[in-house]
Structure formats: C-alpha cells, structure tokens
C-alpha atoms as a PDB file:
ATOM      1  CA  MET A   1     176.934 -86.117   8.857  1.00  0.00           C
ATOM      2  CA  GLN A   2     179.966 -86.928  11.017  1.00  0.00           C
ATOM      3  CA  LEU A   3     179.746 -83.518  12.596  1.00  0.00           C
ATOM      4  CA  ILE A   4     176.086 -83.911  13.320  1.00  0.00           C
ATOM      5  CA  ALA A   5     176.596 -87.392  14.770  1.00  0.00           C
ATOM      6  CA  VAL A   6     179.359 -86.176  17.083  1.00  0.00           C
ATOM      7  CA  GLN A   7     177.198 -83.326  18.323  1.00  0.00           C
ATOM      8  CA  TRP A   8     174.304 -85.635  18.900  1.00  0.00           C
ATOM      9  CA  GLU A   9     176.428 -88.130  20.917  1.00  0.00           C
ATOM     10  CA  LEU A  10     177.764 -85.308  23.127  1.00  0.00           C
ATOM     11  CA  LEU A  11     174.303 -83.931  23.699  1.00  0.00           C
ATOM     12  CA  LEU A  12     172.823 -87.350  24.438  1.00  0.00           C
ATOM     13  CA  GLY A  13     175.626 -88.126  26.796  1.00  0.00           C
ATOM     14  CA  ALA A  14     175.017 -84.867  28.739  1.00  0.00           C
ATOM     15  CA  TRP A  15     171.308 -85.492  28.651  1.00  0.00           C
ATOM     16  CA  LEU A  16     171.600 -88.953  30.169  1.00  0.00           C
ATOM     17  CA  LEU A  17     173.941 -87.773  32.832  1.00  0.00           C
ATOM     18  CA  SER A  18     171.617 -84.978  33.817  1.00  0.00           C
ATOM     19  CA  SER A  19     168.761 -87.360  34.636  1.00  0.00           C
ATOM     20  CA  ARG A  20     166.335 -84.888  33.127  1.00  0.00           C
ATOM     21  CA  TYR A  21     163.313 -85.827  31.043  1.00  0.00           C
ATOM     22  CA  GLN A  22     163.917 -89.561  31.611  1.00  0.00           C
ATOM     23  CA  VAL A  23     161.203 -90.782  29.223  1.00  0.00           C
ATOM     24  CA  GLY A  24     162.527 -88.698  26.375  1.00  0.00           C
ATOM     25  CA  ALA A  25     166.172 -89.654  27.072  1.00  0.00           C
ATOM     26  CA  TRP A  26     165.188 -93.329  27.167  1.00  0.00           C
ATOM     27  CA  PHE A  27     163.594 -93.108  23.730  1.00  0.00           C
ATOM     28  CA  ALA A  28     166.444 -91.043  22.352  1.00  0.00           C
ATOM     29  CA  ALA A  29     169.066 -93.517  23.585  1.00  0.00           C
ATOM     30  CA  LEU A  30     167.046 -96.417  22.314  1.00  0.00           C
ATOM     31  CA  GLY A  31     166.609 -94.874  18.912  1.00  0.00           C
ATOM     32  CA  THR A  32     170.309 -93.998  18.722  1.00  0.00           C
ATOM     33  CA  PHE A  33     171.524 -97.445  19.458  1.00  0.00           C
ATOM     34  CA  LEU A  34     169.043 -99.007  17.134  1.00  0.00           C
ATOM     35  CA  ALA A  35     170.345 -96.660  14.356  1.00  0.00           C
ATOM     36  CA  PHE A  36     173.934 -97.685  15.300  1.00  0.00           C
ATOM     37  CA  ALA A  37     173.004-101.329  15.106  1.00  0.00           C
ATOM     38  CA  GLY A  38     171.392-100.831  11.683  1.00  0.00           C
ATOM     39  CA  VAL A  39     174.466 -99.078  10.265  1.00  0.00           C
ATOM     40  CA  SER A  40     176.887-101.581  11.657  1.00  0.00           C
ATOM     41  CA  SER A  41     174.824-104.463  10.448  1.00  0.00           C
ATOM     42  CA  TYR A  42     174.763-102.953   6.919  1.00  0.00           C
ATOM     43  CA  LEU A  43     178.625-102.582   7.009  1.00  0.00           C
ATOM     44  CA  GLY A  44     178.896-106.126   8.185  1.00  0.00           C
ATOM     45  CA  PHE A  45     176.659-107.539   5.423  1.00  0.00           C
ATOM     46  CA  THR A  46     178.476-105.548   2.728  1.00  0.00           C
ATOM     47  CA  GLY A  47     181.823-107.145   3.839  1.00  0.00           C
ATOM     48  CA  GLN A  48     183.543-104.146   5.493  1.00  0.00           C
ATOM     49  CA  THR A  49     186.449-105.140   7.666  1.00  0.00           C
ATOM     50  CA  SER A  50     186.059-102.193  10.061  1.00  0.00           C
ATOM     51  CA  CYS A  51     183.104-100.197  11.212  1.00  0.00           C
ATOM     52  CA  GLY A  52     185.173 -97.078  11.916  1.00  0.00           C
ATOM     53  CA  CYS A  53     183.347 -96.681  15.298  1.00  0.00           C
ATOM     54  CA  PHE A  54     186.581 -96.564  17.326  1.00  0.00           C
ATOM     55  CA  GLY A  55     188.736 -94.191  15.444  1.00  0.00           C
ATOM     56  CA  SER A  56     192.113 -95.658  14.378  1.00  0.00           C
ATOM     57  CA  ILE A  57     191.343 -99.007  16.162  1.00  0.00           C
ATOM     58  CA  LYS A  58     190.082-101.480  13.551  1.00  0.00           C
ATOM     59  CA  ALA A  59     187.041-103.458  14.813  1.00  0.00           C
ATOM     60  CA  SER A  60     184.701-105.729  12.929  1.00  0.00           C
ATOM     61  CA  PRO A  61     181.171-104.169  12.433  1.00  0.00           C
ATOM     62  CA  TRP A  62     179.703-107.278  14.104  1.00  0.00           C
ATOM     63  CA  TYR A  63     181.550-106.348  17.342  1.00  0.00           C
ATOM     64  CA  ALA A  64     179.845-103.001  17.214  1.00  0.00           C
ATOM     65  CA  VAL A  65     176.475-104.739  16.570  1.00  0.00           C
ATOM     66  CA  ALA A  66     177.036-106.947  19.573  1.00  0.00           C
ATOM     67  CA  LEU A  67     177.795-103.898  21.755  1.00  0.00           C
ATOM     68  CA  ASP A  68     174.637-102.086  20.387  1.00  0.00           C
ATOM     69  CA  VAL A  69     172.504-105.124  21.147  1.00  0.00           C
ATOM     70  CA  VAL A  70     173.849-105.184  24.757  1.00  0.00           C
ATOM     71  CA  CYS A  71     172.944-101.497  25.155  1.00  0.00           C
ATOM     72  CA  ILE A  72     169.490-102.038  23.702  1.00  0.00           C
ATOM     73  CA  THR A  73     168.883-104.995  26.010  1.00  0.00           C
ATOM     74  CA  LEU A  74     169.979-102.972  29.132  1.00  0.00           C
ATOM     75  CA  LEU A  75     167.725-100.017  27.999  1.00  0.00           C
ATOM     76  CA  SER A  76     164.849-102.491  27.733  1.00  0.00           C
ATOM     77  CA  ILE A  77     165.408-103.837  31.191  1.00  0.00           C
ATOM     78  CA  PHE A  78     166.137-100.531  33.001  1.00  0.00           C
ATOM     79  CA  ARG A  79     163.372 -98.194  31.633  1.00  0.00           C
ATOM     80  CA  PRO A  80     161.540 -95.328  33.296  1.00  0.00           C
ATOM     81  CA  ASN A  81     158.092 -95.623  34.780  1.00  0.00           C
ATOM     82  CA  PHE A  82     155.797 -94.548  31.920  1.00  0.00           C
ATOM     83  CA  GLN A  83     152.724 -94.511  34.234  1.00  0.00           C
ATOM     84  CA  SER A  84     153.963 -91.899  36.662  1.00  0.00           C
ATOM     85  CA  ARG A  85     152.101 -88.653  36.045  1.00  0.00           C
ATOM     86  CA  ARG A  86     154.467 -86.569  38.150  1.00  0.00           C
ATOM     87  CA  LEU A  87     157.421 -87.945  36.149  1.00  0.00           C
ATOM     88  CA  MET A  88     155.727 -87.189  32.832  1.00  0.00           C
ATOM     89  CA  THR A  89     154.893 -83.585  33.874  1.00  0.00           C
ATOM     90  CA  GLU A  90     158.387 -82.843  35.078  1.00  0.00           C
ATOM     91  CA  ASP A  91     159.799 -84.450  31.955  1.00  0.00           C
ATOM     92  CA  ARG A  92     157.806 -82.240  29.652  1.00  0.00           C
ATOM     93  CA  ARG A  93     159.169 -79.094  31.298  1.00  0.00           C
ATOM     94  CA  SER A  94     162.730 -80.480  31.227  1.00  0.00           C
ATOM     95  CA  PHE A  95     162.221 -81.526  27.650  1.00  0.00           C
ATOM     96  CA  ILE A  96     161.258 -78.017  26.616  1.00  0.00           C
ATOM     97  CA  ARG A  97     164.325 -76.507  28.275  1.00  0.00           C
ATOM     98  CA  ALA A  98     166.563 -79.231  26.847  1.00  0.00           C
ATOM     99  CA  MET A  99     165.289 -78.490  23.306  1.00  0.00           C
ATOM    100  CA  VAL A 100     166.003 -74.826  23.667  1.00  0.00           C
ATOM    101  CA  TYR A 101     169.567 -75.430  25.072  1.00  0.00           C
ATOM    102  CA  GLY A 102     170.158 -78.112  22.337  1.00  0.00           C
ATOM    103  CA  ILE A 103     169.077 -75.726  19.491  1.00  0.00           C
ATOM    104  CA  VAL A 104     171.326 -72.953  20.848  1.00  0.00           C
ATOM    105  CA  ILE A 105     174.388 -75.251  21.232  1.00  0.00           C
ATOM    106  CA  PHE A 106     173.825 -76.775  17.855  1.00  0.00           C
ATOM    107  CA  GLY A 107     173.560 -73.345  16.237  1.00  0.00           C
ATOM    108  CA  VAL A 108     176.731 -72.082  17.942  1.00  0.00           C
ATOM    109  CA  VAL A 109     178.724 -75.228  16.930  1.00  0.00           C
ATOM    110  CA  VAL A 110     177.390 -75.018  13.359  1.00  0.00           C
ATOM    111  CA  ALA A 111     178.350 -71.381  13.161  1.00  0.00           C
ATOM    112  CA  ILE A 112     181.860 -72.088  14.458  1.00  0.00           C
ATOM    113  CA  PHE A 113     182.468 -74.883  11.951  1.00  0.00           C
ATOM    114  CA  GLY A 114     180.866 -72.860   9.136  1.00  0.00           C
ATOM    115  CA  ALA A 115     183.217 -69.967   9.808  1.00  0.00           C
ATOM    116  CA  ALA A 116     186.193 -72.320  10.020  1.00  0.00           C
ATOM    117  CA  GLY A 117     185.065 -73.936   6.702  1.00  0.00           C
ATOM    118  CA  VAL A 118     184.952 -70.603   5.020  1.00  0.00           C
ATOM    119  CA  ARG A 119     188.342 -69.693   6.380  1.00  0.00           C
ATOM    120  CA  TYR A 120     190.104 -72.955   5.231  1.00  0.00           C
ATOM    121  CA  GLY A 121     187.961 -73.676   2.227  1.00  0.00           C
ATOM    122  CA  SER A 122     186.193 -76.820   3.573  1.00  0.00           C
ATOM    123  CA  VAL A 123     184.905 -78.264   6.783  1.00  0.00           C
ATOM    124  CA  GLU A 124     187.178 -81.285   6.520  1.00  0.00           C
ATOM    125  CA  VAL A 125     190.269 -79.098   6.461  1.00  0.00           C
ATOM    126  CA  ALA A 126     188.977 -76.940   9.275  1.00  0.00           C
ATOM    127  CA  MET A 127     188.297 -80.052  11.435  1.00  0.00           C
ATOM    128  CA  GLY A 128     191.861 -81.188  10.657  1.00  0.00           C
ATOM    129  CA  ARG A 129     193.309 -77.885  11.815  1.00  0.00           C
ATOM    130  CA  LEU A 130     191.245 -78.036  15.059  1.00  0.00           C
ATOM    131  CA  ARG A 131     192.782 -81.463  15.636  1.00  0.00           C
ATOM    132  CA  GLY A 132     196.234 -79.872  15.291  1.00  0.00           C
ATOM    133  CA  GLU A 133     197.163 -81.456  11.992  1.00  0.00           C
ATOM    134  CA  SER A 134     199.650 -79.590   9.838  1.00  0.00           C
ATOM    135  CA  ILE A 135     199.390 -81.788   6.695  1.00  0.00           C
ATOM    136  CA  ILE A 136     195.763 -82.414   5.630  1.00  0.00           C
ATOM    137  CA  ILE A 137     194.316 -84.348   2.759  1.00  0.00           C
ATOM    138  CA  ASP A 138     191.264 -82.829   1.078  1.00  0.00           C
ATOM    139  CA  PRO A 139     189.025 -84.676   0.677  1.00  0.00           C
ATOM    140  CA  PRO A 140     189.994 -87.273   3.342  1.00  0.00           C
ATOM    141  CA  PHE A 141     187.433 -89.656   1.930  1.00  0.00           C
ATOM    142  CA  VAL A 142     187.678 -90.499  -1.752  1.00  0.00           C
ATOM    143  CA  ASP A 143     184.721 -92.079  -3.563  1.00  0.00           C
ATOM    144  CA  PHE A 144     185.877 -93.936  -6.673  1.00  0.00           C
ATOM    145  CA  GLY A 145     182.300 -94.619  -7.702  1.00  0.00           C
ATOM    146  CA  ASP A 146     181.049 -97.753  -9.375  1.00  0.00           C
ATOM    147  CA  GLY A 147     183.054-100.251 -11.525  1.00  0.00           C
ATOM    148  CA  ALA A 148     183.508-103.854 -12.548  1.00  0.00           C
ATOM    149  CA  ALA A 149     186.344-106.098 -11.324  1.00  0.00           C
ATOM    150  CA  GLY A 150     189.586-105.040 -12.850  1.00  0.00           C
ATOM    151  CA  ASP A 151     188.428-101.585 -13.753  1.00  0.00           C
ATOM    152  CA  VAL A 152     190.940 -98.737 -12.993  1.00  0.00           C
ATOM    153  CA  ILE A 153     189.553 -95.321 -11.984  1.00  0.00           C
ATOM    154  CA  GLU A 154     191.637 -92.198 -11.148  1.00  0.00           C
ATOM    155  CA  ARG A 155     190.877 -89.527  -8.735  1.00  0.00           C
ATOM    156  CA  SER A 156     192.866 -86.423  -7.588  1.00  0.00           C
ATOM    157  CA  ILE A 157     193.399 -85.343  -4.061  1.00  0.00           C
ATOM    158  CA  SER A 158     194.751 -82.050  -2.640  1.00  0.00           C
ATOM    159  CA  ILE A 159     197.445 -82.220   0.106  1.00  0.00           C
ATOM    160  CA  ARG A 160     197.657 -79.088   2.238  1.00  0.00           C
ATOM    161  CA  ASN A 161     200.858 -78.110   3.829  1.00  0.00           C
ATOM    162  CA  PHE A 162     200.293 -75.688   6.808  1.00  0.00           C
ATOM    163  CA  THR A 163     203.857 -75.865   8.023  1.00  0.00           C
ATOM    164  CA  ASP A 164     206.676 -73.308   7.394  1.00  0.00           C
ATOM    165  CA  ASN A 165     208.882 -75.905   5.693  1.00  0.00           C
ATOM    166  CA  GLU A 166     208.674 -77.899   2.467  1.00  0.00           C
ATOM    167  CA  VAL A 167     207.070 -81.337   2.788  1.00  0.00           C
ATOM    168  CA  ARG A 168     207.873 -84.248   0.525  1.00  0.00           C
ATOM    169  CA  ILE A 169     205.335 -87.019  -0.076  1.00  0.00           C
ATOM    170  CA  VAL A 170     207.624 -89.981  -0.467  1.00  0.00           C
ATOM    171  CA  GLY A 171     205.288 -92.947  -0.683  1.00  0.00           C
ATOM    172  CA  GLY A 172     202.198 -94.760   0.652  1.00  0.00           C
ATOM    173  CA  THR A 173     200.606 -98.029   1.467  1.00  0.00           C
ATOM    174  CA  SER A 174     197.131 -99.370   1.942  1.00  0.00           C
ATOM    175  CA  ASP A 175     195.172-102.268   3.429  1.00  0.00           C
ATOM    176  CA  CYS A 176     194.769-103.751  -0.052  1.00  0.00           C
ATOM    177  CA  ARG A 177     196.839-103.722  -3.246  1.00  0.00           C
ATOM    178  CA  CYS A 178     194.176-101.903  -5.137  1.00  0.00           C
ATOM    179  CA  VAL A 179     195.139 -98.257  -4.791  1.00  0.00           C
ATOM    180  CA  PHE A 180     198.331 -96.568  -6.301  1.00  0.00           C
ATOM    181  CA  ALA A 181     199.714 -93.114  -6.028  1.00  0.00           C
ATOM    182  CA  LYS A 182     201.184 -91.442  -9.203  1.00  0.00           C
ATOM    183  CA  GLY A 183     203.815 -88.819  -9.484  1.00  0.00           C
ATOM    184  CA  LEU A 184     205.821 -89.532  -6.262  1.00  0.00           C
ATOM    185  CA  PRO A 185     207.832 -88.154  -4.704  1.00  0.00           C
ATOM    186  CA  LEU A 186     205.822 -84.923  -4.497  1.00  0.00           C
ATOM    187  CA  THR A 187     207.218 -81.748  -2.991  1.00  0.00           C
ATOM    188  CA  ILE A 188     204.796 -79.219  -1.435  1.00  0.00           C
ATOM    189  CA  ALA A 189     205.966 -75.686  -0.678  1.00  0.00           C
ATOM    190  CA  PRO A 190     205.294 -74.086   2.741  1.00  0.00           C
ATOM    191  CA  ARG A 191     201.753 -72.896   3.339  1.00  0.00           C
ATOM    192  CA  ALA A 192     200.796 -74.316  -0.105  1.00  0.00           C
ATOM    193  CA  ALA A 193     198.904 -77.281  -1.563  1.00  0.00           C
ATOM    194  CA  GLY A 194     199.818 -80.018  -4.093  1.00  0.00           C
ATOM    195  CA  ASP A 195     197.645 -82.433  -6.126  1.00  0.00           C
ATOM    196  CA  LEU A 196     198.301 -86.119  -5.999  1.00  0.00           C
ATOM    197  CA  ALA A 197     196.660 -88.592  -8.441  1.00  0.00           C
ATOM    198  CA  LEU A 198     195.352 -91.902  -7.012  1.00  0.00           C
ATOM    199  CA  GLN A 199     194.503 -94.939  -9.138  1.00  0.00           C
ATOM    200  CA  PHE A 200     192.091 -97.466  -7.825  1.00  0.00           C
ATOM    201  CA  GLN A 201     191.598-100.958  -9.366  1.00  0.00           C
ATOM    202  CA  PHE A 202     188.507-102.820  -8.469  1.00  0.00           C
ATOM    203  CA  PRO A 203     189.628-106.154  -6.873  1.00  0.00           C
ATOM    204  CA  SER A 204     188.171-109.349  -8.178  1.00  0.00           C
ATOM    205  CA  ASP A 205     187.655-110.811  -4.717  1.00  0.00           C
ATOM    206  CA  ALA A 206     185.467-107.927  -3.496  1.00  0.00           C
ATOM    207  CA  LYS A 207     181.815-108.571  -2.498  1.00  0.00           C
ATOM    208  CA  ASP A 208     179.595-105.547  -3.186  1.00  0.00           C
ATOM    209  CA  SER A 209     181.991-102.728  -2.235  1.00  0.00           C
ATOM    210  CA  VAL A 210     185.438-101.929  -0.882  1.00  0.00           C
ATOM    211  CA  ARG A 211     185.904 -99.506   2.002  1.00  0.00           C
ATOM    212  CA  GLN A 212     189.548 -99.320   3.033  1.00  0.00           C
ATOM    213  CA  ARG A 213     192.237 -96.800   4.101  1.00  0.00           C
ATOM    214  CA  ALA A 214     195.676 -95.851   2.778  1.00  0.00           C
ATOM    215  CA  LEU A 215     198.612 -94.217   4.512  1.00  0.00           C
ATOM    216  CA  ILE A 216     200.406 -91.324   2.844  1.00  0.00           C
ATOM    217  CA  ILE A 217     204.068 -91.224   3.955  1.00  0.00           C
ATOM    218  CA  THR A 218     205.788 -87.858   4.337  1.00  0.00           C
ATOM    219  CA  ASP A 219     209.255 -86.680   5.380  1.00  0.00           C
ATOM    220  CA  ASN A 220     207.732 -84.363   8.090  1.00  0.00           C
ATOM    221  CA  THR A 221     208.909 -85.612  11.522  1.00  0.00           C
ATOM    222  CA  GLU A 222     205.891 -84.216  13.323  1.00  0.00           C
ATOM    223  CA  GLN A 223     203.341 -85.836  11.027  1.00  0.00           C
ATOM    224  CA  PRO A 224     205.081 -88.666   9.011  1.00  0.00           C
ATOM    225  CA  ILE A 225     201.810 -90.523   8.324  1.00  0.00           C
ATOM    226  CA  VAL A 226     198.583 -89.063   6.878  1.00  0.00           C
ATOM    227  CA  VAL A 227     195.501 -91.263   6.668  1.00  0.00           C
ATOM    228  CA  ILE A 228     193.076 -91.259   3.737  1.00  0.00           C
ATOM    229  CA  ARG A 229     190.003 -93.446   3.342  1.00  0.00           C
ATOM    230  CA  PHE A 230     188.526 -94.581   0.029  1.00  0.00           C
ATOM    231  CA  PHE A 231     185.486 -96.310  -1.221  1.00  0.00           C
ATOM    232  CA  GLY A 232     184.404 -98.127  -4.347  1.00  0.00           C
ATOM    233  CA  LYS A 233     181.289-100.040  -5.267  1.00  0.00           C
ATOM    234  CA  LEU A 234     181.472-103.167  -7.422  1.00  0.00           C
ATOM    235  CA  SER A 235     178.565-102.717  -9.796  1.00  0.00           C
ATOM    236  CA  GLN A 236     179.136-105.840 -11.929  1.00  0.00           C
ATOM    237  CA  ARG A 237     181.757-108.521 -12.753  1.00  0.00           C
ATOM    238  CA  ARG A 238     183.402-108.785 -16.111  1.00  0.00           C
ATOM    239  CA  ASP A 239     182.496-112.458 -16.408  1.00  0.00           C
ATOM    240  CA  ALA A 240     178.898-111.510 -16.131  1.00  0.00           C
ATOM    241  CA  LYS A 241     179.000-109.172 -19.207  1.00  0.00           C
END
C-alpha cells in the first residue's frame, strides 16, 4: 500500500504540473486530499501521536488534517470551468493519454519492485536496499495483534546484515516503555541474518491502540540506528473482565 501511495503521489504531482485534463486532475486531487484527511482523522481519533506523513519528523495527525482541509478549500475555490465544451473535449483526449502513460509507468515500477522483492526475499528489504541501507529489519512494521492491558506478546524479527563485517545489536529504545528486546547483545555475521525476539506489553493508559516506533542500536558506524515500528490493539481491559 505504501508503494502504491508513493506512485500515486508522484503521478498526481506530474499530472497537476502538466496542466492536462484539468477536470480529471481536479477531481483526482480533491479525492486524494479527502482520503488523506480521512486517514489522518482516524489516526487522531484513535490517539496516535504521529501520522507518519513526514517521514522521521513526528507530527500530530491533526496537523495533517488541518493541512488537508486547507488544500481542499483551495481546490474548492480554484476549480476548472466545468461548462467549457472545448476544455472538456481536450481533457478527454489528454485523459486517455494520461491513463495509458500511467498504466505503463505503474507496470514498469511494479515489475522492478517485484524483481527486487524476489531477489531480496521481500519488497520491504528491497526498498531498504534501494534507500542504501546495509542493516535492514524484516518486517519493519510489527503487528502484535489484540490484547488486554498488561498482556505480554512476543514476536520475532529478522535483522539482515548486508555489510562485509560483523554487526552487533547492542541495545534499543522506544517511545514508550512497552517493548523489550530479548537476547542482547546479538552478533550477526557478514551477509547473514539474525533473529531478535521482541516482547510487547499492552500499556494500561492506552486508548484503543498503540502505534509507536523503536530504535535498534548497532555498533556499525555507518548505520548505528535502525528504526522499527510496531502496533498493538487494545481489545479489552482486565478490569472489565
């Protein structure tokens, strides 16, 4: 889904800059920002501290909602002339060409990432290699499932070492005191992988879900920090049993 979203954002940006098929571009942009506002509102209502919209920069989902509302308002003010027949005729032709180009570009990108996924075992690892990362966590997003406050759930992650030297995992930290790594320090041989067990304890002060990130600390000077994100849904509280 992240791959599709990134491709769509790039295509939409190029489409808007081209000034082709203005009616279709307007509807596409309006639908996109409405979808963004909906997702950010959901994250805000569920108590998430960051929407993840700006990469490593933490920002409240409500900031993203405010930005989306501004964009929707501007799109409502500056909209194309829907009654212009010439504009509609030209837009239909441009739309057909844009659809063909979009399908071709989408197919090429999917084929590239598919081949990379086969080469490295997963699309997440392939994307990490394309970003130039040499130490990659697979999966980068850990779902601990449902649980009541106080429950402890364990998951295993794989840490891939693509360097020519041994890498030691020496510690870690997180935004909350609810996730713990077992079996540290962990030594990973060159061009190999090692498994690390993570324990997650559902906090009692969570609302409906917990979406946080943790930092894995290594002794590799080029990549001393590796980020992992995790999620857990609070299904019920113990005092309600």
